[in-house]
């Protein structure tokens, strides 16, 4: 894993707290989560620069395609649905031949399901749409770097390409903490395009956690 040039000492954003915070509920847990994050020495910041905190470049990362920002904005809209329901705002969609075949957003609290991350929800929806648990040739677009669980699900589904927005330096499995898509012992490797609208995705997460923090006081 290689850290992007110039990021040494950069404050970590709440984008990195996204996967860490998934599944947590209650004001007390939220307050403890923030306290632990700050005690670890991570600064709390706002603005576009924060989403670059600890951004790691996945091995063999690909440049964005012209349509990637359009689809990421749709994923951001899905993330808003999660936020409105009190869930961490992460949204995802699956594309097949240029059309959306699966959509999802974070729902672990509402469903009492620790696996109900946005990526898994979108994969389930796509599987139902296409009538197959294998999704070869498909692209998954998600607002936050997938965790190890979601990266494994993406690999099992045989997703061809992954596009994500904000990096997650706490649990990101696409270069930030580990890079499962570069692990040679695994038998499937999706192509990865990181950081598409990363600052916007990071701001969305930051705003959510700042509101949660105010409510926890």
N, C-alpha and C. Protein backbone atom coordinates (compact mmCIF):
# COMPACT_ATOMS: atom_id res chain seq x y z
N UNK A 1 0.84 -1.18 0.00
CA UNK A 1 0.00 0.00 0.00
C UNK A 1 0.88 1.23 0.00
N UNK A 2 0.63 2.17 -0.88
CA UNK A 2 1.42 3.38 -0.97
C UNK A 2 0.55 4.58 -0.62
N UNK A 3 1.01 5.39 0.33
CA UNK A 3 0.26 6.60 0.67
C UNK A 3 0.47 7.64 -0.41
N UNK A 4 -0.58 8.36 -0.75
CA UNK A 4 -0.47 9.41 -1.75
C UNK A 4 0.51 10.47 -1.30
N UNK A 5 1.26 11.02 -2.24
CA UNK A 5 2.27 12.02 -1.92
C UNK A 5 1.64 13.23 -1.24
N UNK A 6 2.34 13.75 -0.22
CA UNK A 6 1.91 14.98 0.42
C UNK A 6 0.85 14.80 1.48
N UNK A 7 0.51 13.53 1.84
CA UNK A 7 -0.57 13.34 2.81
C UNK A 7 -0.06 13.06 4.22
N UNK A 8 1.26 13.04 4.39
CA UNK A 8 1.80 12.77 5.72
C UNK A 8 1.30 13.83 6.69
N UNK A 9 0.73 13.38 7.80
CA UNK A 9 0.23 14.30 8.80
C UNK A 9 -1.10 14.94 8.47
N UNK A 10 -1.69 14.55 7.36
CA UNK A 10 -2.98 15.12 6.97
C UNK A 10 -4.04 14.66 7.95
N UNK A 11 -4.94 15.53 8.41
CA UNK A 11 -6.00 15.11 9.34
C UNK A 11 -6.92 14.10 8.69
N UNK A 12 -7.34 13.13 9.47
CA UNK A 12 -8.24 12.11 8.98
C UNK A 12 -9.65 12.64 8.95
N UNK A 13 -10.40 12.30 7.94
CA UNK A 13 -11.76 12.81 7.80
C UNK A 13 -12.75 11.84 8.39
N UNK A 14 -13.99 12.31 8.53
CA UNK A 14 -15.04 11.41 8.96
C UNK A 14 -15.36 10.40 7.88
N UNK A 15 -14.88 10.61 6.66
CA UNK A 15 -15.07 9.58 5.65
C UNK A 15 -14.43 8.29 6.11
N UNK A 16 -13.31 8.40 6.83
CA UNK A 16 -12.64 7.23 7.34
C UNK A 16 -13.38 6.57 8.48
N UNK A 17 -14.31 7.28 9.08
CA UNK A 17 -15.07 6.74 10.20
C UNK A 17 -16.29 6.00 9.72
N UNK A 18 -16.58 6.07 8.41
CA UNK A 18 -17.83 5.53 7.91
C UNK A 18 -18.05 4.08 8.24
N UNK A 19 -17.13 3.20 7.79
CA UNK A 19 -17.32 1.78 8.03
C UNK A 19 -17.18 1.45 9.51
N UNK A 20 -16.31 2.21 10.22
CA UNK A 20 -16.12 2.00 11.65
C UNK A 20 -17.40 2.24 12.42
N UNK A 21 -18.19 3.18 11.94
CA UNK A 21 -19.39 3.58 12.63
C UNK A 21 -20.59 2.74 12.23
N UNK A 22 -20.50 1.97 11.11
CA UNK A 22 -21.65 1.19 10.66
C UNK A 22 -22.06 0.21 11.76
N UNK A 23 -23.32 0.10 11.96
CA UNK A 23 -23.82 -0.85 12.95
C UNK A 23 -23.91 -0.28 14.35
N UNK A 24 -23.27 0.85 14.63
CA UNK A 24 -23.37 1.45 15.95
C UNK A 24 -24.67 2.23 16.05
N UNK A 25 -25.30 2.19 17.21
CA UNK A 25 -26.48 3.02 17.41
C UNK A 25 -26.48 3.53 18.85
N UNK A 26 -27.33 4.49 19.10
CA UNK A 26 -27.43 5.06 20.43
C UNK A 26 -26.47 6.22 20.62
N UNK A 27 -26.90 7.21 21.36
CA UNK A 27 -26.09 8.40 21.56
C UNK A 27 -24.81 8.10 22.31
N UNK A 28 -24.88 7.22 23.32
CA UNK A 28 -23.70 6.93 24.11
C UNK A 28 -22.61 6.29 23.25
N UNK A 29 -23.00 5.32 22.42
CA UNK A 29 -22.01 4.67 21.56
C UNK A 29 -21.41 5.65 20.57
N UNK A 30 -22.24 6.55 20.07
CA UNK A 30 -21.73 7.54 19.12
C UNK A 30 -20.70 8.43 19.80
N UNK A 31 -20.99 8.87 21.02
CA UNK A 31 -20.06 9.74 21.73
C UNK A 31 -18.75 9.02 22.00
N UNK A 32 -18.81 7.75 22.41
CA UNK A 32 -17.60 6.97 22.67
C UNK A 32 -16.78 6.81 21.40
N UNK A 33 -17.48 6.57 20.30
CA UNK A 33 -16.80 6.40 19.02
C UNK A 33 -16.00 7.66 18.66
N UNK A 34 -16.60 8.82 18.81
CA UNK A 34 -15.90 10.06 18.50
C UNK A 34 -14.74 10.28 19.45
N UNK A 35 -14.95 9.99 20.74
CA UNK A 35 -13.88 10.19 21.71
C UNK A 35 -12.68 9.31 21.38
N UNK A 36 -12.93 8.06 21.04
CA UNK A 36 -11.84 7.15 20.69
C UNK A 36 -11.11 7.63 19.45
N UNK A 37 -11.86 8.13 18.49
CA UNK A 37 -11.28 8.60 17.23
C UNK A 37 -10.34 9.77 17.49
N UNK A 38 -10.77 10.70 18.36
CA UNK A 38 -9.94 11.86 18.64
C UNK A 38 -8.75 11.48 19.53
N UNK A 39 -8.96 10.55 20.48
CA UNK A 39 -7.85 10.15 21.33
C UNK A 39 -6.74 9.50 20.52
N UNK A 40 -7.11 8.89 19.38
CA UNK A 40 -6.11 8.26 18.53
C UNK A 40 -5.24 9.30 17.83
N UNK A 41 -5.55 10.58 18.01
CA UNK A 41 -4.72 11.64 17.45
C UNK A 41 -5.21 12.16 16.12
N UNK A 42 -6.42 11.79 15.70
CA UNK A 42 -6.95 12.22 14.42
C UNK A 42 -7.71 13.52 14.58
N UNK A 43 -7.38 14.49 13.75
CA UNK A 43 -8.05 15.78 13.81
C UNK A 43 -9.43 15.70 13.18
N UNK A 44 -10.34 16.51 13.69
CA UNK A 44 -11.69 16.60 13.14
C UNK A 44 -11.75 17.84 12.26
N UNK A 45 -12.00 17.65 10.99
CA UNK A 45 -11.96 18.78 10.07
C UNK A 45 -13.16 18.76 9.14
N UNK A 46 -13.35 19.88 8.44
CA UNK A 46 -14.37 19.99 7.41
C UNK A 46 -13.68 20.43 6.13
N UNK A 47 -14.43 20.41 5.04
CA UNK A 47 -13.91 20.92 3.79
C UNK A 47 -13.41 19.83 2.88
N UNK A 48 -13.16 20.16 1.61
CA UNK A 48 -12.77 19.17 0.63
C UNK A 48 -11.51 18.42 0.98
N UNK A 49 -10.55 19.09 1.64
CA UNK A 49 -9.27 18.42 1.91
C UNK A 49 -9.42 17.24 2.84
N UNK A 50 -10.45 17.25 3.70
CA UNK A 50 -10.55 16.20 4.70
C UNK A 50 -10.75 14.84 4.08
N UNK A 51 -11.42 14.76 2.94
CA UNK A 51 -11.72 13.48 2.35
C UNK A 51 -10.49 12.78 1.82
N UNK A 52 -9.36 13.50 1.75
CA UNK A 52 -8.14 12.90 1.26
C UNK A 52 -7.32 12.27 2.38
N UNK A 53 -7.77 12.38 3.64
CA UNK A 53 -7.00 11.89 4.75
C UNK A 53 -6.61 10.43 4.61
N UNK A 54 -5.31 10.15 4.71
CA UNK A 54 -4.79 8.80 4.62
C UNK A 54 -5.22 8.10 3.35
N UNK A 55 -5.48 8.82 2.27
CA UNK A 55 -5.90 8.20 1.02
C UNK A 55 -4.79 7.32 0.49
N UNK A 56 -5.07 6.05 0.28
CA UNK A 56 -4.10 5.13 -0.26
C UNK A 56 -4.52 4.72 -1.66
N UNK A 57 -3.56 4.55 -2.53
CA UNK A 57 -3.87 4.21 -3.90
C UNK A 57 -3.80 2.69 -4.06
N UNK A 58 -4.90 2.04 -4.43
CA UNK A 58 -4.87 0.60 -4.63
C UNK A 58 -3.88 0.22 -5.73
N UNK A 59 -3.26 -0.94 -5.57
CA UNK A 59 -2.34 -1.42 -6.60
C UNK A 59 -3.09 -1.56 -7.92
N UNK A 60 -2.53 -1.02 -8.98
CA UNK A 60 -3.15 -1.15 -10.29
C UNK A 60 -4.41 -0.34 -10.46
N UNK A 61 -4.57 0.73 -9.65
CA UNK A 61 -5.79 1.55 -9.74
C UNK A 61 -5.94 2.12 -11.14
N UNK A 62 -7.20 2.19 -11.59
CA UNK A 62 -7.51 2.70 -12.92
C UNK A 62 -8.08 4.11 -12.85
N UNK A 63 -7.88 4.87 -13.91
CA UNK A 63 -8.44 6.21 -14.01
C UNK A 63 -9.96 6.12 -14.19
N UNK A 64 -10.68 7.15 -13.76
CA UNK A 64 -12.14 7.15 -13.93
C UNK A 64 -12.55 7.16 -15.40
N UNK A 65 -13.73 6.63 -15.65
CA UNK A 65 -14.35 6.71 -16.97
C UNK A 65 -15.27 7.93 -17.01
N UNK A 66 -15.62 8.42 -18.19
CA UNK A 66 -16.43 9.64 -18.28
C UNK A 66 -17.75 9.57 -17.52
N UNK A 67 -18.36 8.40 -17.44
CA UNK A 67 -19.68 8.30 -16.79
C UNK A 67 -19.60 8.06 -15.29
N UNK A 68 -18.40 7.89 -14.74
CA UNK A 68 -18.29 7.50 -13.33
C UNK A 68 -18.89 8.54 -12.39
N UNK A 69 -18.67 9.82 -12.67
CA UNK A 69 -19.21 10.84 -11.77
C UNK A 69 -20.74 10.85 -11.78
N UNK A 70 -21.32 10.61 -12.95
CA UNK A 70 -22.78 10.55 -13.03
C UNK A 70 -23.33 9.45 -12.12
N UNK A 71 -22.73 8.27 -12.21
CA UNK A 71 -23.21 7.15 -11.40
C UNK A 71 -22.91 7.36 -9.92
N UNK A 72 -21.77 8.00 -9.63
CA UNK A 72 -21.46 8.26 -8.22
C UNK A 72 -22.49 9.22 -7.63
N UNK A 73 -22.96 10.18 -8.40
CA UNK A 73 -23.99 11.08 -7.88
C UNK A 73 -25.28 10.33 -7.58
N UNK A 74 -25.59 9.32 -8.35
CA UNK A 74 -26.76 8.48 -8.03
C UNK A 74 -26.52 7.72 -6.74
N UNK A 75 -25.30 7.25 -6.54
CA UNK A 75 -24.98 6.55 -5.29
C UNK A 75 -25.06 7.51 -4.10
N UNK A 76 -24.64 8.75 -4.30
CA UNK A 76 -24.75 9.75 -3.23
C UNK A 76 -26.21 10.00 -2.88
N UNK A 77 -27.08 10.02 -3.88
CA UNK A 77 -28.51 10.16 -3.62
C UNK A 77 -29.03 8.99 -2.78
N UNK A 78 -28.55 7.78 -3.06
CA UNK A 78 -28.95 6.62 -2.26
C UNK A 78 -28.44 6.76 -0.82
N UNK A 79 -27.23 7.29 -0.68
CA UNK A 79 -26.68 7.50 0.66
C UNK A 79 -27.55 8.47 1.46
N UNK A 80 -28.13 9.44 0.79
CA UNK A 80 -29.03 10.38 1.49
C UNK A 80 -30.23 9.64 2.08
N UNK A 81 -30.71 8.62 1.39
CA UNK A 81 -31.82 7.83 1.93
C UNK A 81 -31.41 7.14 3.22
N UNK A 82 -30.15 6.66 3.26
CA UNK A 82 -29.66 6.04 4.49
C UNK A 82 -29.62 7.07 5.62
N UNK A 83 -29.09 8.25 5.32
CA UNK A 83 -28.97 9.29 6.35
C UNK A 83 -30.34 9.68 6.89
N UNK A 84 -31.33 9.78 6.01
CA UNK A 84 -32.66 10.19 6.45
C UNK A 84 -33.30 9.15 7.36
N UNK A 85 -32.81 7.92 7.28
CA UNK A 85 -33.31 6.86 8.16
C UNK A 85 -32.42 6.66 9.38
N UNK A 86 -31.43 7.54 9.56
CA UNK A 86 -30.54 7.44 10.71
C UNK A 86 -29.40 6.47 10.53
N UNK A 87 -29.21 5.99 9.31
CA UNK A 87 -28.11 5.07 9.01
C UNK A 87 -26.91 5.86 8.49
N UNK A 88 -25.71 5.31 8.63
CA UNK A 88 -24.52 5.94 8.07
C UNK A 88 -24.71 6.10 6.56
N UNK A 89 -24.52 7.31 6.01
CA UNK A 89 -24.84 7.55 4.61
C UNK A 89 -23.83 6.96 3.63
N UNK A 90 -24.08 5.72 3.27
CA UNK A 90 -23.31 5.06 2.21
C UNK A 90 -24.31 4.50 1.22
N UNK A 91 -24.09 4.77 -0.07
CA UNK A 91 -24.98 4.28 -1.12
C UNK A 91 -24.19 3.55 -2.18
N UNK A 92 -24.83 2.60 -2.85
CA UNK A 92 -24.15 1.81 -3.87
C UNK A 92 -25.13 1.42 -4.95
N UNK A 93 -24.59 1.19 -6.14
CA UNK A 93 -25.40 0.65 -7.24
C UNK A 93 -24.55 -0.25 -8.10
N UNK A 94 -25.22 -1.15 -8.81
CA UNK A 94 -24.56 -2.10 -9.72
C UNK A 94 -25.02 -1.81 -11.13
N UNK A 95 -24.07 -1.73 -12.05
CA UNK A 95 -24.34 -1.44 -13.45
C UNK A 95 -24.04 -2.65 -14.31
N UNK A 96 -24.90 -2.89 -15.29
CA UNK A 96 -24.67 -3.93 -16.29
C UNK A 96 -24.97 -3.34 -17.66
N UNK A 97 -23.97 -3.30 -18.49
CA UNK A 97 -24.11 -2.77 -19.86
C UNK A 97 -24.72 -1.37 -19.84
N UNK A 98 -24.26 -0.55 -18.92
CA UNK A 98 -24.67 0.85 -18.88
C UNK A 98 -26.01 1.13 -18.23
N UNK A 99 -26.63 0.15 -17.61
CA UNK A 99 -27.89 0.40 -16.92
C UNK A 99 -27.81 -0.11 -15.48
N UNK A 100 -28.58 0.53 -14.62
CA UNK A 100 -28.59 0.15 -13.21
C UNK A 100 -29.42 -1.12 -13.02
N UNK A 101 -28.82 -2.14 -12.42
CA UNK A 101 -29.55 -3.39 -12.15
C UNK A 101 -29.66 -3.66 -10.66
N UNK A 102 -28.98 -2.86 -9.84
CA UNK A 102 -29.06 -3.06 -8.41
C UNK A 102 -28.77 -1.77 -7.65
N UNK A 103 -29.52 -1.52 -6.61
CA UNK A 103 -29.33 -0.33 -5.77
C UNK A 103 -29.35 -0.75 -4.30
N UNK A 104 -28.62 -0.01 -3.49
CA UNK A 104 -28.63 -0.30 -2.07
C UNK A 104 -28.06 0.84 -1.26
N UNK A 105 -28.44 0.90 0.01
CA UNK A 105 -27.82 1.85 0.94
C UNK A 105 -27.75 1.17 2.30
N UNK A 106 -26.94 1.74 3.17
CA UNK A 106 -26.72 1.14 4.48
C UNK A 106 -28.03 0.93 5.23
N UNK A 107 -28.25 -0.29 5.74
CA UNK A 107 -29.46 -0.58 6.51
C UNK A 107 -29.23 -1.55 7.67
N UNK A 108 -28.03 -1.62 8.25
CA UNK A 108 -27.84 -2.59 9.32
C UNK A 108 -28.69 -2.34 10.56
N UNK A 109 -28.95 -1.06 10.86
CA UNK A 109 -29.76 -0.75 12.05
C UNK A 109 -31.22 -1.13 11.84
N UNK A 110 -31.76 -0.75 10.70
CA UNK A 110 -33.17 -1.02 10.43
C UNK A 110 -33.46 -2.50 10.28
N UNK A 111 -32.51 -3.23 9.73
CA UNK A 111 -32.73 -4.66 9.45
C UNK A 111 -32.16 -5.58 10.52
N UNK A 112 -31.48 -4.99 11.51
CA UNK A 112 -30.80 -5.79 12.55
C UNK A 112 -29.88 -6.82 11.89
N UNK A 113 -29.16 -6.35 10.87
CA UNK A 113 -28.33 -7.25 10.06
C UNK A 113 -26.96 -6.63 9.87
N UNK A 114 -25.92 -7.20 10.49
CA UNK A 114 -24.58 -6.61 10.36
C UNK A 114 -24.02 -6.68 8.95
N UNK A 115 -24.62 -7.48 8.09
CA UNK A 115 -24.12 -7.59 6.71
C UNK A 115 -24.83 -6.63 5.75
N UNK A 116 -25.78 -5.85 6.24
CA UNK A 116 -26.60 -5.02 5.35
C UNK A 116 -25.93 -3.70 4.99
N UNK A 117 -24.68 -3.78 4.56
CA UNK A 117 -23.98 -2.61 4.04
C UNK A 117 -24.52 -2.30 2.65
N UNK A 118 -24.26 -1.09 2.21
CA UNK A 118 -24.79 -0.64 0.92
C UNK A 118 -24.38 -1.55 -0.23
N UNK A 119 -23.11 -1.98 -0.24
CA UNK A 119 -22.63 -2.83 -1.33
C UNK A 119 -23.37 -4.17 -1.37
N UNK A 120 -23.56 -4.76 -0.20
CA UNK A 120 -24.24 -6.06 -0.13
C UNK A 120 -25.69 -5.91 -0.57
N UNK A 121 -26.33 -4.83 -0.14
CA UNK A 121 -27.72 -4.60 -0.54
C UNK A 121 -27.82 -4.44 -2.06
N UNK A 122 -26.89 -3.71 -2.66
CA UNK A 122 -26.90 -3.52 -4.11
C UNK A 122 -26.63 -4.83 -4.84
N UNK A 123 -25.72 -5.64 -4.33
CA UNK A 123 -25.43 -6.94 -4.95
C UNK A 123 -26.64 -7.87 -4.87
N UNK A 124 -27.32 -7.85 -3.75
CA UNK A 124 -28.53 -8.68 -3.61
C UNK A 124 -29.60 -8.25 -4.62
N UNK A 125 -29.77 -6.94 -4.74
CA UNK A 125 -30.77 -6.41 -5.68
C UNK A 125 -30.40 -6.78 -7.12
N UNK A 126 -29.12 -6.67 -7.46
CA UNK A 126 -28.67 -7.02 -8.80
C UNK A 126 -28.85 -8.50 -9.08
N UNK A 127 -28.57 -9.33 -8.08
CA UNK A 127 -28.75 -10.76 -8.25
C UNK A 127 -30.19 -11.12 -8.54
N UNK A 128 -31.11 -10.45 -7.83
CA UNK A 128 -32.53 -10.70 -8.10
C UNK A 128 -32.92 -10.23 -9.51
N UNK A 129 -32.38 -9.07 -9.90
CA UNK A 129 -32.73 -8.52 -11.22
C UNK A 129 -32.23 -9.42 -12.35
N UNK A 130 -31.01 -9.90 -12.22
CA UNK A 130 -30.39 -10.69 -13.30
C UNK A 130 -30.60 -12.19 -13.14
N UNK A 131 -31.14 -12.60 -12.00
CA UNK A 131 -31.39 -14.03 -11.79
C UNK A 131 -30.14 -14.85 -11.64
N UNK A 132 -29.10 -14.25 -11.04
CA UNK A 132 -27.83 -14.98 -10.91
C UNK A 132 -27.03 -14.34 -9.78
N UNK A 133 -26.41 -15.18 -8.95
CA UNK A 133 -25.57 -14.61 -7.90
C UNK A 133 -24.21 -14.20 -8.43
N UNK A 134 -23.85 -14.66 -9.61
CA UNK A 134 -22.65 -14.21 -10.28
C UNK A 134 -23.01 -13.02 -11.16
N UNK A 135 -22.18 -11.98 -11.10
CA UNK A 135 -22.46 -10.75 -11.83
C UNK A 135 -21.25 -10.36 -12.70
N UNK A 136 -20.81 -11.26 -13.57
CA UNK A 136 -19.63 -10.96 -14.39
C UNK A 136 -19.90 -9.81 -15.36
N UNK A 137 -18.90 -8.99 -15.55
CA UNK A 137 -19.05 -7.85 -16.44
C UNK A 137 -19.69 -6.64 -15.81
N UNK A 138 -20.17 -6.76 -14.57
CA UNK A 138 -20.86 -5.65 -13.91
C UNK A 138 -19.87 -4.73 -13.18
N UNK A 139 -20.32 -3.51 -12.95
CA UNK A 139 -19.57 -2.51 -12.20
C UNK A 139 -20.34 -2.17 -10.94
N UNK A 140 -19.63 -2.07 -9.82
CA UNK A 140 -20.24 -1.63 -8.57
C UNK A 140 -19.69 -0.25 -8.22
N UNK A 141 -20.59 0.70 -7.97
CA UNK A 141 -20.23 2.07 -7.61
C UNK A 141 -20.70 2.32 -6.18
N UNK A 142 -19.81 2.78 -5.31
CA UNK A 142 -20.16 2.97 -3.91
C UNK A 142 -19.47 4.22 -3.37
N UNK A 143 -20.12 4.92 -2.45
CA UNK A 143 -19.63 6.20 -1.98
C UNK A 143 -18.47 6.09 -1.00
N UNK A 144 -18.27 4.92 -0.37
CA UNK A 144 -17.19 4.73 0.60
C UNK A 144 -16.42 3.46 0.25
N UNK A 145 -15.12 3.51 0.39
CA UNK A 145 -14.27 2.35 0.15
C UNK A 145 -14.80 1.12 0.89
N UNK A 146 -15.01 0.00 0.20
CA UNK A 146 -15.57 -1.19 0.84
C UNK A 146 -14.68 -1.74 1.96
N UNK A 147 -15.35 -2.33 2.96
CA UNK A 147 -14.65 -3.04 4.02
C UNK A 147 -14.31 -4.45 3.52
N UNK A 148 -13.66 -5.24 4.37
CA UNK A 148 -13.24 -6.59 3.96
C UNK A 148 -14.45 -7.47 3.62
N UNK A 149 -15.52 -7.34 4.40
CA UNK A 149 -16.72 -8.14 4.12
C UNK A 149 -17.27 -7.83 2.73
N UNK A 150 -17.41 -6.54 2.44
CA UNK A 150 -17.99 -6.14 1.17
C UNK A 150 -17.05 -6.45 0.00
N UNK A 151 -15.75 -6.29 0.23
CA UNK A 151 -14.78 -6.65 -0.81
C UNK A 151 -14.89 -8.14 -1.12
N UNK A 152 -15.07 -8.96 -0.10
CA UNK A 152 -15.25 -10.40 -0.33
C UNK A 152 -16.51 -10.69 -1.11
N UNK A 153 -17.59 -10.00 -0.78
CA UNK A 153 -18.85 -10.20 -1.52
C UNK A 153 -18.69 -9.78 -2.98
N UNK A 154 -17.97 -8.68 -3.21
CA UNK A 154 -17.73 -8.22 -4.58
C UNK A 154 -16.94 -9.27 -5.36
N UNK A 155 -15.97 -9.87 -4.70
CA UNK A 155 -15.17 -10.90 -5.36
C UNK A 155 -16.01 -12.14 -5.64
N UNK A 156 -16.81 -12.57 -4.68
CA UNK A 156 -17.65 -13.75 -4.89
C UNK A 156 -18.66 -13.53 -6.01
N UNK A 157 -19.14 -12.30 -6.15
CA UNK A 157 -20.11 -12.00 -7.21
C UNK A 157 -19.45 -11.88 -8.58
N UNK A 158 -18.12 -11.86 -8.59
CA UNK A 158 -17.37 -11.72 -9.85
C UNK A 158 -17.60 -10.36 -10.52
N UNK A 159 -17.77 -9.33 -9.68
CA UNK A 159 -17.86 -7.97 -10.21
C UNK A 159 -16.58 -7.66 -10.99
N UNK A 160 -16.74 -7.06 -12.17
CA UNK A 160 -15.57 -6.78 -13.02
C UNK A 160 -14.84 -5.51 -12.60
N UNK A 161 -15.60 -4.53 -12.11
CA UNK A 161 -14.99 -3.23 -11.84
C UNK A 161 -15.65 -2.60 -10.62
N UNK A 162 -14.83 -2.00 -9.76
CA UNK A 162 -15.29 -1.31 -8.56
C UNK A 162 -14.91 0.16 -8.66
N UNK A 163 -15.86 1.05 -8.40
CA UNK A 163 -15.61 2.49 -8.36
C UNK A 163 -16.05 2.98 -6.97
N UNK A 164 -15.15 3.61 -6.22
CA UNK A 164 -15.58 4.12 -4.91
C UNK A 164 -15.18 5.57 -4.74
N UNK A 165 -15.86 6.23 -3.78
CA UNK A 165 -15.66 7.65 -3.54
C UNK A 165 -14.64 7.93 -2.45
N UNK A 166 -15.09 8.08 -1.20
CA UNK A 166 -14.20 8.42 -0.09
C UNK A 166 -13.38 7.21 0.34
N UNK A 167 -12.13 7.46 0.70
CA UNK A 167 -11.28 6.42 1.27
C UNK A 167 -11.65 6.19 2.74
N UNK A 168 -11.38 4.98 3.23
CA UNK A 168 -11.67 4.64 4.62
C UNK A 168 -10.40 4.12 5.29
N UNK A 169 -9.67 4.99 5.99
CA UNK A 169 -8.41 4.57 6.60
C UNK A 169 -8.56 3.67 7.81
N UNK A 170 -9.79 3.45 8.29
CA UNK A 170 -10.00 2.56 9.44
C UNK A 170 -10.23 1.12 9.02
N UNK A 171 -11.05 0.90 7.99
CA UNK A 171 -11.38 -0.48 7.60
C UNK A 171 -11.39 -0.68 6.09
N UNK A 172 -10.88 0.26 5.33
CA UNK A 172 -10.90 0.13 3.87
C UNK A 172 -10.08 -1.06 3.39
N UNK A 173 -10.68 -1.88 2.54
CA UNK A 173 -10.03 -3.11 2.06
C UNK A 173 -9.63 -3.01 0.60
N UNK A 174 -9.51 -1.76 0.10
CA UNK A 174 -9.10 -1.57 -1.29
C UNK A 174 -7.86 -0.68 -1.35
N UNK A 175 -7.00 -0.82 -0.35
CA UNK A 175 -5.75 -0.09 -0.34
C UNK A 175 -5.48 0.69 0.91
N UNK A 176 -6.51 1.11 1.64
CA UNK A 176 -6.28 1.96 2.81
C UNK A 176 -5.73 1.19 4.00
N UNK A 177 -6.30 0.03 4.29
CA UNK A 177 -5.80 -0.83 5.37
C UNK A 177 -5.18 -2.10 4.78
N UNK A 178 -5.95 -2.76 3.95
CA UNK A 178 -5.46 -3.90 3.17
C UNK A 178 -5.93 -3.69 1.74
N UNK A 179 -5.39 -4.45 0.81
CA UNK A 179 -5.83 -4.37 -0.58
C UNK A 179 -6.16 -5.78 -1.05
N UNK A 180 -7.40 -6.19 -0.80
CA UNK A 180 -7.81 -7.54 -1.15
C UNK A 180 -7.87 -7.77 -2.64
N UNK A 181 -8.01 -6.70 -3.41
CA UNK A 181 -8.09 -6.87 -4.85
C UNK A 181 -6.71 -7.00 -5.49
N UNK A 182 -5.67 -6.84 -4.68
CA UNK A 182 -4.30 -7.06 -5.16
C UNK A 182 -3.68 -8.31 -4.55
N UNK A 183 -4.47 -9.05 -3.79
CA UNK A 183 -3.96 -10.27 -3.13
C UNK A 183 -3.86 -11.40 -4.16
N UNK A 184 -2.67 -11.83 -4.52
CA UNK A 184 -2.51 -12.82 -5.59
C UNK A 184 -3.07 -14.20 -5.26
N UNK A 185 -3.25 -14.50 -3.97
CA UNK A 185 -3.77 -15.82 -3.61
C UNK A 185 -5.28 -15.93 -3.80
N UNK A 186 -5.96 -14.80 -4.01
CA UNK A 186 -7.39 -14.84 -4.28
C UNK A 186 -7.63 -15.01 -5.77
N UNK A 187 -8.72 -15.69 -6.11
CA UNK A 187 -8.89 -16.11 -7.51
C UNK A 187 -9.70 -15.14 -8.36
N UNK A 188 -10.09 -14.00 -7.80
CA UNK A 188 -10.78 -13.00 -8.63
C UNK A 188 -10.33 -11.61 -8.21
N UNK A 189 -10.08 -10.75 -9.17
CA UNK A 189 -9.62 -9.40 -8.88
C UNK A 189 -10.39 -8.41 -9.73
N UNK A 190 -11.27 -7.64 -9.09
CA UNK A 190 -11.96 -6.57 -9.80
C UNK A 190 -10.99 -5.43 -10.07
N UNK A 191 -11.20 -4.75 -11.16
CA UNK A 191 -10.45 -3.53 -11.43
C UNK A 191 -11.01 -2.43 -10.52
N UNK A 192 -10.15 -1.57 -10.01
CA UNK A 192 -10.57 -0.59 -9.00
C UNK A 192 -10.25 0.83 -9.46
N UNK A 193 -11.25 1.71 -9.37
CA UNK A 193 -11.08 3.14 -9.60
C UNK A 193 -11.46 3.87 -8.32
N UNK A 194 -10.48 4.42 -7.60
CA UNK A 194 -10.76 5.07 -6.32
C UNK A 194 -10.98 6.57 -6.44
N UNK A 195 -11.62 7.16 -5.42
CA UNK A 195 -11.65 8.60 -5.24
C UNK A 195 -12.56 9.39 -6.16
N UNK A 196 -13.54 8.75 -6.79
CA UNK A 196 -14.46 9.48 -7.67
C UNK A 196 -15.41 10.30 -6.80
N UNK A 197 -15.39 11.62 -6.96
CA UNK A 197 -16.16 12.53 -6.10
C UNK A 197 -15.88 12.26 -4.63
N UNK A 198 -14.63 11.92 -4.33
CA UNK A 198 -14.26 11.56 -2.97
C UNK A 198 -14.51 12.66 -1.95
N UNK A 199 -14.22 13.90 -2.33
CA UNK A 199 -14.44 15.01 -1.40
C UNK A 199 -15.92 15.18 -1.09
N UNK A 200 -16.76 15.06 -2.10
CA UNK A 200 -18.21 15.20 -1.88
C UNK A 200 -18.74 14.06 -1.01
N UNK A 201 -18.28 12.86 -1.28
CA UNK A 201 -18.69 11.72 -0.45
C UNK A 201 -18.22 11.90 0.99
N UNK A 202 -17.00 12.40 1.16
CA UNK A 202 -16.48 12.64 2.50
C UNK A 202 -17.26 13.69 3.25
N UNK A 203 -17.64 14.77 2.54
CA UNK A 203 -18.43 15.82 3.20
C UNK A 203 -19.78 15.29 3.65
N UNK A 204 -20.37 14.40 2.85
CA UNK A 204 -21.66 13.83 3.22
C UNK A 204 -21.54 13.04 4.53
N UNK A 205 -20.50 12.25 4.65
CA UNK A 205 -20.27 11.49 5.87
C UNK A 205 -19.95 12.41 7.04
N UNK A 206 -19.12 13.42 6.79
CA UNK A 206 -18.76 14.36 7.84
C UNK A 206 -19.98 15.05 8.42
N UNK A 207 -20.85 15.53 7.54
CA UNK A 207 -22.05 16.24 8.00
C UNK A 207 -22.92 15.33 8.86
N UNK A 208 -23.04 14.07 8.47
CA UNK A 208 -23.85 13.12 9.23
C UNK A 208 -23.29 12.94 10.64
N UNK A 209 -21.97 12.71 10.73
CA UNK A 209 -21.38 12.45 12.04
C UNK A 209 -21.32 13.69 12.91
N UNK A 210 -21.17 14.86 12.30
CA UNK A 210 -21.22 16.07 13.09
C UNK A 210 -22.59 16.27 13.72
N UNK A 211 -23.64 15.97 12.97
CA UNK A 211 -24.98 16.06 13.51
C UNK A 211 -25.20 15.04 14.63
N UNK A 212 -24.69 13.83 14.41
CA UNK A 212 -24.80 12.80 15.45
C UNK A 212 -24.06 13.23 16.71
N UNK A 213 -22.91 13.87 16.52
CA UNK A 213 -22.14 14.29 17.66
C UNK A 213 -22.85 15.39 18.44
N UNK A 214 -23.45 16.34 17.71
CA UNK A 214 -24.21 17.40 18.39
C UNK A 214 -25.36 16.79 19.20
N UNK A 215 -26.03 15.79 18.62
CA UNK A 215 -27.17 15.17 19.30
C UNK A 215 -26.73 14.38 20.53
N UNK A 216 -25.48 13.92 20.54
CA UNK A 216 -25.00 13.11 21.64
C UNK A 216 -24.54 13.95 22.84
N UNK A 217 -24.41 15.26 22.64
CA UNK A 217 -23.94 16.11 23.75
C UNK A 217 -25.00 16.31 24.82
